[in-house]
Amino acid sequence: MYATGNKKMLNMLILDILKEYSDENHRLTQQEIIRLLKANYDMECDRRSVKNNILCLKELGYEISMDDGYYLIEREFEDAELRMLIDSVLFSKNLTRNQAKKLVDKLRDQGNRYFSAKVSHISNLPDLRHADNKYLMYAVDKINDAIAAKKKISFTYNAYG
């Protein structure tokens, strides 16, 4: 993912660790961050580097709590939002079973490791009615693009020769 041998990437690696391993209930100490940097990226640093890089991330606009350990406060998706999106995918009749599984996996990856554990029971899709046509999702997207661009669209239902 990143060129991990480069100390210039340290702030991005720390951000990845905060995204993956921290939340309000799972705060990380500087020593835990140092240990995870070594284990995950083979990157070594000291306490001051951790603190300085977190301060740099805060300057860049990331909301990171520094009280009683470090954790990323705001994420792209909250756990409740991800669960809602996963449920929407599971009950969508416009997706094939395979498309639904891939989307659920992608949504699960948007959360941290604790979210993934909460939704680990969604390993097999329930026997819900899913579309057979794998191109349906792409067709709906094309129609949406045409509508957004205010292009004229037409449908041919039956062709008689």
Protein backbone atom coordinates (compact mmCIF):
# COMPACT_ATOMS: atom_id res chain seq x y z
CA MET A 1 0.00 0.00 0.00
CA TYR A 2 2.67 2.50 1.05
CA ALA A 3 6.41 2.61 0.63
CA THR A 4 6.93 1.66 4.26
CA GLY A 5 10.68 2.12 4.44
CA ASN A 6 10.27 5.86 4.08
CA LYS A 7 9.97 7.91 7.31
CA LYS A 8 8.06 10.55 5.35
CA MET A 9 5.18 8.10 5.20
CA LEU A 10 5.06 7.69 8.98
CA ASN A 11 2.05 9.96 9.45
CA MET A 12 0.04 7.97 6.86
CA LEU A 13 0.99 4.70 8.52
CA ILE A 14 -0.07 6.04 11.90
CA LEU A 15 -3.35 7.19 10.35
CA ASP A 16 -3.89 3.67 8.96
CA ILE A 17 -3.27 2.20 12.40
CA LEU A 18 -5.70 4.64 14.00
CA LYS A 19 -8.33 3.76 11.37
CA GLU A 20 -7.86 0.03 11.83
CA TYR A 21 -7.24 -0.38 15.56
CA SER A 22 -8.84 2.55 17.38
CA ASP A 23 -12.22 3.89 18.29
CA GLU A 24 -13.77 5.50 21.35
CA ASN A 25 -13.72 2.19 23.21
CA HIS A 26 -10.29 1.11 21.98
CA ARG A 27 -7.75 3.87 22.51
CA LEU A 28 -4.11 3.32 21.64
CA THR A 29 -1.08 4.35 23.64
CA GLN A 30 2.09 5.59 22.00
CA GLN A 31 3.75 2.26 22.81
CA GLU A 32 0.92 0.32 21.16
CA ILE A 33 1.21 2.49 18.04
CA ILE A 34 4.98 1.91 17.98
CA ARG A 35 4.42 -1.87 18.34
CA LEU A 36 1.80 -1.89 15.54
CA LEU A 37 4.07 0.15 13.25
CA LYS A 38 6.80 -2.44 13.73
CA ALA A 39 4.49 -5.45 13.38
CA ASN A 40 2.45 -4.21 10.40
CA TYR A 41 4.94 -2.10 8.45
CA ASP A 42 8.37 -2.97 9.86
CA MET A 43 8.72 0.73 10.69
CA GLU A 44 10.57 1.86 13.79
CA CYS A 45 10.05 5.17 15.54
CA ASP A 46 10.05 6.68 19.01
CA ARG A 47 7.36 8.25 21.23
CA ARG A 48 8.13 11.80 20.11
CA SER A 49 7.73 10.83 16.45
CA VAL A 50 4.33 9.31 17.19
CA LYS A 51 3.14 12.43 18.98
CA ASN A 52 4.58 14.81 16.37
CA ASN A 53 3.00 12.88 13.50
CA ILE A 54 -0.37 12.79 15.26
CA LEU A 55 -0.16 16.55 15.80
CA CYS A 56 0.63 16.89 12.08
CA LEU A 57 -2.43 14.79 11.20
CA LYS A 58 -4.56 17.00 13.45
CA GLU A 59 -3.21 20.08 11.61
CA LEU A 60 -4.27 18.42 8.35
CA GLY A 61 -7.83 18.23 9.68
CA TYR A 62 -8.11 14.72 11.09
CA GLU A 63 -10.06 14.60 14.32
CA ILE A 64 -7.89 12.60 16.69
CA SER A 65 -8.47 12.44 20.43
CA MET A 66 -5.35 12.57 22.55
CA ASP A 67 -7.09 12.11 25.92
CA ASP A 68 -6.31 8.81 27.66
CA GLY A 69 -4.79 7.38 24.50
CA TYR A 70 -5.23 8.10 20.83
CA TYR A 71 -8.21 7.34 18.62
CA LEU A 72 -9.69 8.61 15.40
CA ILE A 73 -12.89 10.48 16.31
CA GLU A 74 -14.53 10.97 12.95
CA ARG A 75 -14.53 8.40 10.19
CA GLU A 76 -15.90 8.37 6.66
CA PHE A 77 -18.69 6.06 7.82
CA GLU A 78 -20.06 5.49 11.31
CA ASP A 79 -20.76 1.88 12.29
CA ALA A 80 -24.52 2.47 12.17
CA GLU A 81 -24.25 3.88 8.64
CA LEU A 82 -22.25 0.87 7.47
CA ARG A 83 -24.80 -1.52 9.00
CA MET A 84 -27.62 0.33 7.25
CA LEU A 85 -25.78 0.14 3.91
CA ILE A 86 -25.07 -3.56 4.39
CA ASP A 87 -28.74 -4.21 5.14
CA SER A 88 -29.70 -2.25 2.02
CA VAL A 89 -27.40 -4.40 -0.09
CA LEU A 90 -28.68 -7.62 1.48
CA PHE A 91 -32.30 -6.77 0.69
CA SER A 92 -31.70 -5.31 -2.76
CA LYS A 93 -33.46 -7.27 -5.47
CA ASN A 94 -31.41 -5.52 -8.17
CA LEU A 95 -28.12 -7.22 -7.33
CA THR A 96 -27.01 -10.74 -7.99
CA ARG A 97 -25.97 -12.83 -5.02
CA ASN A 98 -22.29 -12.48 -6.02
CA GLN A 99 -22.52 -8.68 -6.43
CA ALA A 100 -24.23 -8.40 -3.04
CA LYS A 101 -21.50 -10.47 -1.38
CA LYS A 102 -18.74 -8.35 -2.93
CA LEU A 103 -20.44 -5.11 -1.86
CA VAL A 104 -20.96 -6.38 1.68
CA ASP A 105 -17.26 -7.29 1.86
CA LYS A 106 -16.27 -3.81 0.62
CA LEU A 107 -18.56 -2.14 3.14
CA ARG A 108 -17.21 -4.34 5.94
CA ASP A 109 -13.67 -3.21 4.99
CA GLN A 110 -14.68 0.44 5.49
CA GLY A 111 -14.98 -0.16 9.23
CA ASN A 112 -12.25 -0.95 11.70
CA ARG A 113 -11.44 -4.41 13.03
CA TYR A 114 -14.03 -4.08 15.80
CA PHE A 115 -16.79 -3.33 13.28
CA SER A 116 -15.75 -6.33 11.19
CA ALA A 117 -16.10 -8.52 14.28
CA LYS A 118 -19.62 -7.17 14.87
CA VAL A 119 -20.74 -8.15 11.37
CA SER A 120 -18.72 -11.34 11.00
CA HIS A 121 -21.98 -13.34 11.13
CA ILE A 122 -22.77 -12.04 7.63
CA SER A 123 -20.53 -14.57 5.94
CA ASN A 124 -23.26 -16.25 3.92
CA LEU A 125 -25.99 -14.22 2.35
CA PRO A 126 -29.46 -15.18 3.46
CA ASP A 127 -31.71 -16.86 0.91
CA LEU A 128 -33.28 -13.67 -0.32
CA ARG A 129 -34.49 -13.04 -3.81
CA HIS A 130 -31.68 -11.56 -5.87
CA ALA A 131 -31.54 -10.67 -9.54
CA ASP A 132 -30.17 -13.15 -12.03
CA ASN A 133 -28.84 -10.50 -14.42
CA LYS A 134 -25.43 -9.27 -13.25
CA TYR A 135 -25.60 -6.33 -15.69
CA LEU A 136 -28.74 -4.86 -14.12
CA MET A 137 -26.74 -2.75 -11.63
CA TYR A 138 -24.63 -1.30 -14.47
CA ALA A 139 -27.71 -0.58 -16.60
CA VAL A 140 -29.33 1.31 -13.73
CA ASP A 141 -26.12 3.32 -13.35
CA LYS A 142 -26.09 4.20 -17.07
CA ILE A 143 -29.73 5.28 -16.93
CA ASN A 144 -28.97 7.43 -13.89
CA ASP A 145 -26.03 9.07 -15.74
CA ALA A 146 -28.25 9.81 -18.73
CA ILE A 147 -30.92 11.36 -16.53
CA ALA A 148 -28.32 13.46 -14.68
CA ALA A 149 -26.91 14.69 -18.01
CA LYS A 150 -30.46 15.42 -19.20
CA LYS A 151 -30.02 13.14 -22.17
CA LYS A 152 -32.95 11.58 -23.91
CA ILE A 153 -33.28 7.87 -23.32
CA SER A 154 -35.58 5.32 -24.89
CA PHE A 155 -36.42 1.69 -24.31
CA THR A 156 -37.21 -1.03 -26.82
CA TYR A 157 -39.29 -3.77 -25.27
CA ASN A 158 -40.10 -5.93 -28.27
CA ALA A 159 -38.74 -5.85 -31.78
CA TYR A 160 -40.90 -7.29 -34.54
CA GLY A 161 -39.29 -8.14 -37.83
